[in-house]
Structures are given as C-alpha cells and as structure tokens.
Amino acid sequence: MSEKMKVLIAYDGSSCADAALDDLQRAGLPQVAEALIMSVADVFLPPPSSPAPAFPAQVPAAVQRAWAQATHAVEEARALAQQAHTRLLMSFPTWDVRAEACADSPAWAIIKKADPWQPDVIVVGELRDHEAMATALKAAAKPHENKPHEDKPREIKSHQNKARESKE
C-alpha cells in the first residue's frame, strides 16, 4: 500500500493564503492525503508552556507585556490555523488534517517543519521573506542524503501575484 501524500500548508489568513486553499481543489490532489496547516506568529518571545505564572515580581513590566503580546499572537495564529483546518476539511473531507501554530519567523518555521516531515507539496500563499524562501526552494530541490532513491518531488506554490492581479 502506498504512503499518503503529505501537504504542508503555510497559512496566515491573508487573501493570498485563502487563494492557495481555493486552488488546492483544482490541483489534482488525491482523495486520501495528510495535510498539516501551519500558522506562525512572527514574535521573538515564545509563550511559556506551563499555565503557572511565568514571571517573578522583579521582571520589568515591559518584558511582561512582551510575553503577553507573544502569547496573544500565538493564540491568534492558532485560531487562523483552526479556521483553515475547518475550511480544508470542507473541501477534502477524507483527508487527515492537522493544524498547528507556533512562535517563530514564518519562513523558517515552515522550513523547520518541512525538513523532518518531508511533505510532497508545500503550499505558501505569499512570499514575504525572499531570502528564507530561496533557501527553502534550494532545500526542496536537493536530494536527501539518508534516502537518495526515495526522494519525493516538492513544490512551493505562491499566490502573491495572483491576489495582486485580482485586486487591480
């Protein structure tokens, strides 16, 4: 039995990301696939993982505000990922779809997730960090040393220009 196709979707709630989700319906993808939707909060300080108070009394108020803003940004990213999850399941009800959110540089978070997960397709709605995306394209194109004969072709798709054209 063949392995399910893996689709990694970078989703930020933008019109470009929505266009990318819409285009998946016309992409000729299989009825059975595994999809991971990643929404990334572009923040420096990741929120703490424990529900206990993370700050002793001597932590400056500005640092506490930064942590609170980072936590809020990750929660917003989580809500976006969940919205895309629901939307994707409406289009592909037989897919195994997961949604994740994290705090990181968006392009690097996608690259870090793609490296161990090895998706067949990477869907990106808008390219903002061109240097990181160039690195991702190079990484997607090179063969993996540990599985030279089992490489899966990967595609990075952008809808940035399409969204701009539709606004004009």
N, C-alpha and C. Protein backbone atom coordinates (compact mmCIF):
# COMPACT_ATOMS: atom_id res chain seq x y z
N MET A 1 0.84 -1.18 0.00
CA MET A 1 0.00 0.00 0.00
C MET A 1 0.88 1.24 0.00
N SER A 2 0.56 2.21 -0.83
CA SER A 2 1.39 3.40 -0.92
C SER A 2 1.11 4.34 0.25
N GLU A 3 2.11 5.14 0.53
CA GLU A 3 2.03 6.11 1.61
C GLU A 3 1.14 7.29 1.18
N LYS A 4 0.43 7.89 2.14
CA LYS A 4 -0.41 9.06 1.84
C LYS A 4 0.45 10.22 1.38
N MET A 5 -0.09 11.00 0.46
CA MET A 5 0.57 12.23 0.07
C MET A 5 0.55 13.17 1.27
N LYS A 6 1.64 13.91 1.47
CA LYS A 6 1.74 14.88 2.55
C LYS A 6 1.74 16.29 1.96
N VAL A 7 0.87 17.14 2.51
CA VAL A 7 0.73 18.52 2.05
C VAL A 7 0.94 19.44 3.25
N LEU A 8 1.97 20.27 3.17
CA LEU A 8 2.25 21.26 4.22
C LEU A 8 1.74 22.60 3.72
N ILE A 9 0.85 23.22 4.50
CA ILE A 9 0.22 24.47 4.10
C ILE A 9 0.59 25.56 5.09
N ALA A 10 1.28 26.59 4.59
CA ALA A 10 1.57 27.76 5.40
C ALA A 10 0.38 28.70 5.27
N TYR A 11 -0.25 29.03 6.40
CA TYR A 11 -1.49 29.82 6.34
C TYR A 11 -1.41 30.99 7.31
N ASP A 12 -1.64 32.21 6.77
CA ASP A 12 -1.61 33.40 7.62
C ASP A 12 -2.91 34.19 7.59
N GLY A 13 -3.93 33.64 6.94
CA GLY A 13 -5.21 34.32 6.89
C GLY A 13 -5.31 35.39 5.83
N SER A 14 -4.26 35.62 5.07
CA SER A 14 -4.28 36.65 4.03
C SER A 14 -5.09 36.18 2.83
N SER A 15 -5.39 37.13 1.94
CA SER A 15 -6.11 36.76 0.72
C SER A 15 -5.29 35.81 -0.13
N CYS A 16 -3.98 35.93 -0.09
CA CYS A 16 -3.11 35.01 -0.84
C CYS A 16 -3.20 33.60 -0.27
N ALA A 17 -3.22 33.49 1.04
CA ALA A 17 -3.34 32.17 1.68
C ALA A 17 -4.71 31.56 1.38
N ASP A 18 -5.75 32.39 1.37
CA ASP A 18 -7.09 31.90 1.01
C ASP A 18 -7.12 31.43 -0.44
N ALA A 19 -6.46 32.16 -1.33
CA ALA A 19 -6.40 31.76 -2.73
C ALA A 19 -5.68 30.43 -2.87
N ALA A 20 -4.64 30.23 -2.09
CA ALA A 20 -3.91 28.96 -2.14
C ALA A 20 -4.82 27.81 -1.70
N LEU A 21 -5.61 28.01 -0.65
CA LEU A 21 -6.55 26.96 -0.22
C LEU A 21 -7.58 26.68 -1.31
N ASP A 22 -8.08 27.74 -1.93
CA ASP A 22 -9.06 27.56 -3.02
C ASP A 22 -8.47 26.78 -4.18
N ASP A 23 -7.22 27.08 -4.52
CA ASP A 23 -6.58 26.42 -5.66
C ASP A 23 -6.29 24.95 -5.41
N LEU A 24 -6.23 24.53 -4.17
CA LEU A 24 -5.98 23.12 -3.88
C LEU A 24 -7.08 22.24 -4.48
N GLN A 25 -8.28 22.76 -4.57
CA GLN A 25 -9.39 21.99 -5.14
C GLN A 25 -9.17 21.69 -6.62
N ARG A 26 -8.40 22.54 -7.30
CA ARG A 26 -8.14 22.36 -8.74
C ARG A 26 -6.76 21.77 -9.01
N ALA A 27 -6.05 21.36 -7.97
CA ALA A 27 -4.66 20.93 -8.12
C ALA A 27 -4.51 19.45 -8.46
N GLY A 28 -5.60 18.71 -8.54
CA GLY A 28 -5.50 17.30 -8.88
C GLY A 28 -4.91 16.46 -7.76
N LEU A 29 -5.15 16.86 -6.54
CA LEU A 29 -4.62 16.13 -5.39
C LEU A 29 -5.46 14.89 -5.12
N PRO A 30 -4.88 13.88 -4.49
CA PRO A 30 -5.61 12.62 -4.26
C PRO A 30 -6.73 12.77 -3.23
N GLN A 31 -7.63 11.79 -3.24
CA GLN A 31 -8.75 11.77 -2.28
C GLN A 31 -8.27 11.50 -0.86
N VAL A 32 -7.16 10.80 -0.74
CA VAL A 32 -6.61 10.47 0.57
C VAL A 32 -5.24 11.14 0.69
N ALA A 33 -5.10 11.97 1.70
CA ALA A 33 -3.84 12.68 1.92
C ALA A 33 -3.75 13.10 3.38
N GLU A 34 -2.56 13.48 3.77
CA GLU A 34 -2.31 14.00 5.10
C GLU A 34 -1.89 15.46 4.92
N ALA A 35 -2.57 16.36 5.61
CA ALA A 35 -2.26 17.78 5.49
C ALA A 35 -1.94 18.36 6.86
N LEU A 36 -0.98 19.24 6.87
CA LEU A 36 -0.62 19.97 8.08
C LEU A 36 -0.69 21.45 7.76
N ILE A 37 -1.53 22.15 8.49
CA ILE A 37 -1.65 23.60 8.32
C ILE A 37 -0.83 24.26 9.42
N MET A 38 0.09 25.11 9.00
CA MET A 38 0.96 25.83 9.94
C MET A 38 0.63 27.31 9.89
N SER A 39 0.32 27.87 11.04
CA SER A 39 0.20 29.32 11.18
C SER A 39 1.26 29.75 12.17
N VAL A 40 2.01 30.76 11.81
CA VAL A 40 3.17 31.14 12.60
C VAL A 40 3.03 32.58 13.08
N ALA A 41 3.17 32.76 14.38
CA ALA A 41 3.19 34.10 14.96
C ALA A 41 4.63 34.61 14.86
N ASP A 42 4.81 35.71 14.18
CA ASP A 42 6.15 36.27 13.97
C ASP A 42 6.54 37.09 15.19
N VAL A 43 6.87 36.37 16.27
CA VAL A 43 7.25 37.01 17.52
C VAL A 43 8.57 36.44 18.01
N PHE A 44 9.28 37.23 18.78
CA PHE A 44 10.59 36.82 19.29
C PHE A 44 10.48 35.95 20.54
N LEU A 45 9.59 36.31 21.43
CA LEU A 45 9.47 35.58 22.68
C LEU A 45 8.33 34.56 22.61
N PRO A 46 8.63 33.28 22.58
CA PRO A 46 7.54 32.30 22.60
C PRO A 46 6.88 32.28 23.96
N PRO A 47 5.59 32.01 23.99
CA PRO A 47 4.90 31.97 25.29
C PRO A 47 5.35 30.77 26.10
N PRO A 48 5.26 30.87 27.42
CA PRO A 48 5.64 29.73 28.26
C PRO A 48 4.68 28.57 28.06
N SER A 49 5.17 27.35 28.31
CA SER A 49 4.33 26.18 28.09
C SER A 49 3.52 25.80 29.33
N SER A 50 3.86 26.33 30.47
CA SER A 50 3.12 25.97 31.67
C SER A 50 2.10 27.05 32.01
N PRO A 51 0.96 26.66 32.59
CA PRO A 51 -0.05 27.65 32.95
C PRO A 51 0.30 28.44 34.21
N ALA A 52 1.33 28.03 34.93
CA ALA A 52 1.73 28.73 36.14
C ALA A 52 2.30 30.11 35.77
N PRO A 53 2.25 31.06 36.69
CA PRO A 53 2.82 32.38 36.40
C PRO A 53 4.28 32.24 35.99
N ALA A 54 4.61 32.84 34.87
CA ALA A 54 5.96 32.70 34.32
C ALA A 54 6.90 33.80 34.80
N PHE A 55 6.37 34.80 35.50
CA PHE A 55 7.19 35.95 35.84
C PHE A 55 7.28 36.15 37.35
N PRO A 56 8.49 36.19 37.85
CA PRO A 56 8.64 36.61 39.24
C PRO A 56 8.37 38.12 39.34
N ALA A 57 8.20 38.60 40.52
CA ALA A 57 7.83 40.00 40.73
C ALA A 57 8.88 40.97 40.18
N GLN A 58 10.15 40.59 40.10
CA GLN A 58 11.19 41.52 39.67
C GLN A 58 11.31 41.69 38.15
N VAL A 59 10.55 40.96 37.36
CA VAL A 59 10.61 41.10 35.91
C VAL A 59 9.96 42.43 35.52
N PRO A 60 10.65 43.22 34.70
CA PRO A 60 10.11 44.53 34.31
C PRO A 60 8.75 44.40 33.60
N ALA A 61 7.94 45.39 33.78
CA ALA A 61 6.60 45.40 33.18
C ALA A 61 6.67 45.30 31.66
N ALA A 62 7.68 45.90 31.03
CA ALA A 62 7.81 45.85 29.57
C ALA A 62 8.03 44.41 29.10
N VAL A 63 8.80 43.64 29.86
CA VAL A 63 9.05 42.24 29.49
C VAL A 63 7.77 41.44 29.66
N GLN A 64 7.03 41.71 30.73
CA GLN A 64 5.76 41.01 30.94
C GLN A 64 4.79 41.33 29.80
N ARG A 65 4.76 42.59 29.35
CA ARG A 65 3.88 42.97 28.23
C ARG A 65 4.32 42.25 26.95
N ALA A 66 5.62 42.14 26.74
CA ALA A 66 6.11 41.45 25.53
C ALA A 66 5.68 39.98 25.55
N TRP A 67 5.79 39.33 26.70
CA TRP A 67 5.34 37.94 26.80
C TRP A 67 3.84 37.83 26.56
N ALA A 68 3.09 38.78 27.11
CA ALA A 68 1.64 38.75 26.91
C ALA A 68 1.29 38.96 25.44
N GLN A 69 1.98 39.86 24.76
CA GLN A 69 1.74 40.09 23.34
C GLN A 69 2.12 38.86 22.51
N ALA A 70 3.23 38.20 22.88
CA ALA A 70 3.64 37.00 22.16
C ALA A 70 2.60 35.89 22.34
N THR A 71 2.12 35.74 23.56
CA THR A 71 1.10 34.73 23.83
C THR A 71 -0.16 35.01 23.01
N HIS A 72 -0.56 36.26 22.97
CA HIS A 72 -1.74 36.65 22.18
C HIS A 72 -1.51 36.38 20.69
N ALA A 73 -0.33 36.67 20.19
CA ALA A 73 -0.03 36.44 18.77
C ALA A 73 -0.09 34.95 18.43
N VAL A 74 0.40 34.10 19.33
CA VAL A 74 0.35 32.66 19.08
C VAL A 74 -1.10 32.17 19.12
N GLU A 75 -1.90 32.70 20.02
CA GLU A 75 -3.32 32.33 20.08
C GLU A 75 -4.04 32.76 18.80
N GLU A 76 -3.71 33.92 18.28
CA GLU A 76 -4.31 34.36 17.01
C GLU A 76 -3.88 33.42 15.88
N ALA A 77 -2.62 33.03 15.87
CA ALA A 77 -2.13 32.09 14.85
C ALA A 77 -2.84 30.74 14.98
N ARG A 78 -3.06 30.31 16.20
CA ARG A 78 -3.78 29.04 16.43
C ARG A 78 -5.21 29.13 15.90
N ALA A 79 -5.87 30.27 16.11
CA ALA A 79 -7.23 30.45 15.61
C ALA A 79 -7.24 30.45 14.07
N LEU A 80 -6.26 31.09 13.45
CA LEU A 80 -6.16 31.08 11.99
C LEU A 80 -5.96 29.66 11.46
N ALA A 81 -5.08 28.91 12.11
CA ALA A 81 -4.83 27.53 11.68
C ALA A 81 -6.11 26.70 11.81
N GLN A 82 -6.85 26.93 12.86
CA GLN A 82 -8.10 26.18 13.05
C GLN A 82 -9.14 26.55 12.00
N GLN A 83 -9.21 27.83 11.64
CA GLN A 83 -10.13 28.25 10.58
C GLN A 83 -9.78 27.57 9.25
N ALA A 84 -8.48 27.55 8.94
CA ALA A 84 -8.04 26.90 7.70
C ALA A 84 -8.30 25.39 7.76
N HIS A 85 -8.13 24.81 8.94
CA HIS A 85 -8.40 23.38 9.14
C HIS A 85 -9.85 23.06 8.79
N THR A 86 -10.76 23.84 9.32
CA THR A 86 -12.19 23.65 9.06
C THR A 86 -12.49 23.82 7.58
N ARG A 87 -11.93 24.84 7.00
CA ARG A 87 -12.16 25.12 5.58
C ARG A 87 -11.60 24.00 4.69
N LEU A 88 -10.41 23.51 5.01
CA LEU A 88 -9.80 22.45 4.20
C LEU A 88 -10.60 21.16 4.30
N LEU A 89 -11.10 20.84 5.49
CA LEU A 89 -11.92 19.63 5.64
C LEU A 89 -13.23 19.72 4.86
N MET A 90 -13.75 20.93 4.66
CA MET A 90 -14.95 21.08 3.85
C MET A 90 -14.66 20.72 2.39
N SER A 91 -13.46 21.06 1.92
CA SER A 91 -13.07 20.75 0.55
C SER A 91 -12.57 19.31 0.38
N PHE A 92 -11.91 18.79 1.42
CA PHE A 92 -11.31 17.46 1.36
C PHE A 92 -11.71 16.66 2.61
N PRO A 93 -12.95 16.22 2.68
CA PRO A 93 -13.43 15.55 3.90
C PRO A 93 -12.73 14.23 4.22
N THR A 94 -12.07 13.61 3.26
CA THR A 94 -11.41 12.34 3.51
C THR A 94 -9.94 12.50 3.90
N TRP A 95 -9.45 13.73 3.92
CA TRP A 95 -8.06 13.96 4.30
C TRP A 95 -7.90 13.91 5.81
N ASP A 96 -6.72 13.55 6.23
CA ASP A 96 -6.30 13.64 7.63
C ASP A 96 -5.63 15.00 7.79
N VAL A 97 -6.32 15.94 8.43
CA VAL A 97 -5.84 17.32 8.51
C VAL A 97 -5.53 17.68 9.96
N ARG A 98 -4.35 18.26 10.17
CA ARG A 98 -3.96 18.79 11.48
C ARG A 98 -3.64 20.27 11.34
N ALA A 99 -3.80 21.00 12.43
CA ALA A 99 -3.48 22.42 12.45
C ALA A 99 -2.52 22.68 13.60
N GLU A 100 -1.48 23.46 13.33
CA GLU A 100 -0.50 23.81 14.36
C GLU A 100 -0.21 25.29 14.29
N ALA A 101 0.19 25.84 15.42
CA ALA A 101 0.63 27.22 15.49
C ALA A 101 1.90 27.27 16.34
N CYS A 102 2.76 28.21 16.02
CA CYS A 102 3.98 28.36 16.80
C CYS A 102 4.46 29.80 16.72
N ALA A 103 5.47 30.11 17.51
CA ALA A 103 6.11 31.42 17.51
C ALA A 103 7.48 31.26 16.86
N ASP A 104 7.71 31.99 15.78
CA ASP A 104 8.98 31.87 15.06
C ASP A 104 8.95 32.85 13.89
N SER A 105 10.01 32.86 13.12
CA SER A 105 9.98 33.54 11.84
C SER A 105 9.15 32.64 10.92
N PRO A 106 8.12 33.16 10.26
CA PRO A 106 7.24 32.29 9.47
C PRO A 106 7.96 31.42 8.45
N ALA A 107 8.84 31.99 7.66
CA ALA A 107 9.52 31.19 6.63
C ALA A 107 10.37 30.09 7.27
N TRP A 108 11.09 30.43 8.32
CA TRP A 108 11.95 29.42 8.95
C TRP A 108 11.14 28.36 9.67
N ALA A 109 10.01 28.72 10.23
CA ALA A 109 9.16 27.71 10.88
C ALA A 109 8.68 26.68 9.86
N ILE A 110 8.33 27.13 8.67
CA ILE A 110 7.89 26.20 7.62
C ILE A 110 9.04 25.32 7.18
N ILE A 111 10.21 25.92 7.02
CA ILE A 111 11.39 25.13 6.64
C ILE A 111 11.71 24.09 7.71
N LYS A 112 11.68 24.51 8.97
CA LYS A 112 11.99 23.57 10.06
C LYS A 112 10.97 22.44 10.14
N LYS A 113 9.72 22.70 9.83
CA LYS A 113 8.69 21.66 9.84
C LYS A 113 8.84 20.75 8.62
N ALA A 114 9.15 21.33 7.48
CA ALA A 114 9.26 20.55 6.25
C ALA A 114 10.44 19.58 6.29
N ASP A 115 11.51 19.96 6.91
CA ASP A 115 12.70 19.11 6.89
C ASP A 115 12.45 17.73 7.49
N PRO A 116 11.93 17.63 8.71
CA PRO A 116 11.70 16.27 9.24
C PRO A 116 10.43 15.61 8.70
N TRP A 117 9.41 16.39 8.36
CA TRP A 117 8.13 15.81 7.96
C TRP A 117 8.15 15.35 6.51
N GLN A 118 8.97 15.94 5.67
CA GLN A 118 9.13 15.56 4.26
C GLN A 118 7.82 15.60 3.47
N PRO A 119 7.16 16.76 3.37
CA PRO A 119 5.92 16.83 2.60
C PRO A 119 6.19 16.66 1.10
N ASP A 120 5.18 16.20 0.39
CA ASP A 120 5.25 16.10 -1.06
C ASP A 120 5.03 17.47 -1.70
N VAL A 121 4.19 18.27 -1.06
CA VAL A 121 3.84 19.59 -1.57
C VAL A 121 3.88 20.57 -0.41
N ILE A 122 4.44 21.76 -0.67
CA ILE A 122 4.42 22.86 0.29
C ILE A 122 3.63 23.98 -0.37
N VAL A 123 2.58 24.42 0.29
CA VAL A 123 1.72 25.47 -0.26
C VAL A 123 1.95 26.74 0.56
N VAL A 124 2.35 27.80 -0.14
CA VAL A 124 2.62 29.08 0.50
C VAL A 124 1.80 30.13 -0.23
N GLY A 125 1.02 30.89 0.49
CA GLY A 125 0.18 31.90 -0.14
C GLY A 125 0.93 33.13 -0.57
N GLU A 126 1.86 33.59 0.24
CA GLU A 126 2.56 34.83 -0.06
C GLU A 126 4.01 34.70 0.39
N LEU A 127 4.92 35.16 -0.45
CA LEU A 127 6.34 35.12 -0.12
C LEU A 127 6.76 36.49 0.39
N ARG A 128 7.02 36.59 1.68
CA ARG A 128 7.43 37.87 2.25
C ARG A 128 8.93 37.90 2.51
N ASP A 129 9.48 36.82 3.02
CA ASP A 129 10.90 36.73 3.34
C ASP A 129 11.58 36.00 2.18
N HIS A 130 12.02 36.76 1.19
CA HIS A 130 12.53 36.17 -0.04
C HIS A 130 13.80 35.35 0.19
N GLU A 131 14.66 35.79 1.10
CA GLU A 131 15.90 35.04 1.37
C GLU A 131 15.58 33.67 1.97
N ALA A 132 14.68 33.62 2.93
CA ALA A 132 14.31 32.34 3.54
C ALA A 132 13.62 31.44 2.53
N MET A 133 12.77 32.02 1.68
CA MET A 133 12.08 31.19 0.69
C MET A 133 13.05 30.67 -0.36
N ALA A 134 14.07 31.45 -0.70
CA ALA A 134 15.10 30.96 -1.63
C ALA A 134 15.81 29.76 -1.01
N THR A 135 16.08 29.83 0.28
CA THR A 135 16.69 28.71 0.98
C THR A 135 15.77 27.50 0.96
N ALA A 136 14.48 27.73 1.15
CA ALA A 136 13.52 26.63 1.13
C ALA A 136 13.48 25.98 -0.25
N LEU A 137 13.51 26.79 -1.30
CA LEU A 137 13.50 26.24 -2.65
C LEU A 137 14.73 25.39 -2.91
N LYS A 138 15.89 25.88 -2.46
CA LYS A 138 17.13 25.11 -2.64
C LYS A 138 17.06 23.80 -1.86
N ALA A 139 16.54 23.87 -0.63
CA ALA A 139 16.44 22.65 0.19
C ALA A 139 15.46 21.66 -0.42
N ALA A 140 14.38 22.16 -0.99
CA ALA A 140 13.38 21.28 -1.61
C ALA A 140 13.93 20.62 -2.86
N ALA A 141 14.85 21.28 -3.53
CA ALA A 141 15.39 20.75 -4.79
C ALA A 141 16.52 19.75 -4.59
N LYS A 142 17.22 19.80 -3.45
CA LYS A 142 18.37 18.91 -3.29
C LYS A 142 17.94 17.56 -2.74
N PRO A 143 18.62 16.49 -3.17
CA PRO A 143 18.28 15.16 -2.66
C PRO A 143 18.70 15.02 -1.20
N HIS A 144 18.00 14.16 -0.50
CA HIS A 144 18.31 13.92 0.91
C HIS A 144 19.33 12.81 0.99
N GLU A 145 20.34 13.03 1.81
CA GLU A 145 21.43 12.08 1.93
C GLU A 145 20.98 10.74 2.49
N ASN A 146 20.02 10.73 3.39
CA ASN A 146 19.62 9.48 4.03
C ASN A 146 18.68 8.64 3.18
N LYS A 147 18.02 9.20 2.17
CA LYS A 147 17.10 8.44 1.31
C LYS A 147 17.27 8.88 -0.14
N PRO A 148 18.43 8.59 -0.75
CA PRO A 148 18.65 9.12 -2.09
C PRO A 148 17.70 8.58 -3.14
N HIS A 149 17.15 7.38 -2.98
CA HIS A 149 16.28 6.82 -4.01
C HIS A 149 14.80 6.99 -3.69
N GLU A 150 14.49 7.55 -2.54
CA GLU A 150 13.10 7.69 -2.15
C GLU A 150 12.67 9.15 -2.09
N ASP A 151 13.42 10.01 -2.74
CA ASP A 151 13.07 11.43 -2.71
C ASP A 151 11.69 11.65 -3.29
N LYS A 152 10.99 12.57 -2.68
CA LYS A 152 9.66 12.94 -3.16
C LYS A 152 9.78 14.33 -3.78
N PRO A 153 9.22 14.54 -4.94
CA PRO A 153 9.27 15.89 -5.50
C PRO A 153 8.45 16.83 -4.62
N ARG A 154 8.96 18.04 -4.45
CA ARG A 154 8.25 19.01 -3.65
C ARG A 154 8.02 20.26 -4.49
N GLU A 155 6.96 20.92 -4.19
CA GLU A 155 6.59 22.10 -4.95
C GLU A 155 6.29 23.21 -3.96
N ILE A 156 6.77 24.40 -4.26
CA ILE A 156 6.42 25.56 -3.46
C ILE A 156 5.64 26.47 -4.37
N LYS A 157 4.43 26.78 -3.96
CA LYS A 157 3.48 27.48 -4.81
C LYS A 157 3.16 28.84 -4.18
N SER A 158 3.18 29.90 -4.97
CA SER A 158 2.88 31.23 -4.47
C SER A 158 1.65 31.80 -5.15
N HIS A 159 0.81 32.44 -4.37
CA HIS A 159 -0.39 33.08 -4.90
C HIS A 159 -0.33 34.58 -4.72
N GLN A 160 0.86 35.10 -4.39
CA GLN A 160 1.01 36.52 -4.15
C GLN A 160 0.65 37.33 -5.39
N ASN A 161 1.19 36.99 -6.53
CA ASN A 161 0.91 37.75 -7.74
C ASN A 161 -0.53 37.60 -8.17
N LYS A 162 -1.11 36.39 -8.02
CA LYS A 162 -2.49 36.18 -8.40
C LYS A 162 -3.42 37.08 -7.59
N ALA A 163 -3.18 37.21 -6.29
CA ALA A 163 -4.02 38.05 -5.44
C ALA A 163 -3.87 39.53 -5.82
N ARG A 164 -2.65 39.92 -6.13
CA ARG A 164 -2.44 41.31 -6.54
C ARG A 164 -3.17 41.61 -7.85
N GLU A 165 -3.10 40.66 -8.80
CA GLU A 165 -3.76 40.85 -10.08
C GLU A 165 -5.27 40.96 -9.92
N SER A 166 -5.85 40.18 -9.01
CA SER A 166 -7.29 40.20 -8.82
C SER A 166 -7.78 41.51 -8.18
N LYS A 167 -6.88 42.21 -7.47
CA LYS A 167 -7.25 43.48 -6.85
C LYS A 167 -7.27 44.61 -7.87
N GLU A 168 -6.51 44.42 -8.95
CA GLU A 168 -6.39 45.50 -9.94
C GLU A 168 -7.56 45.57 -10.87
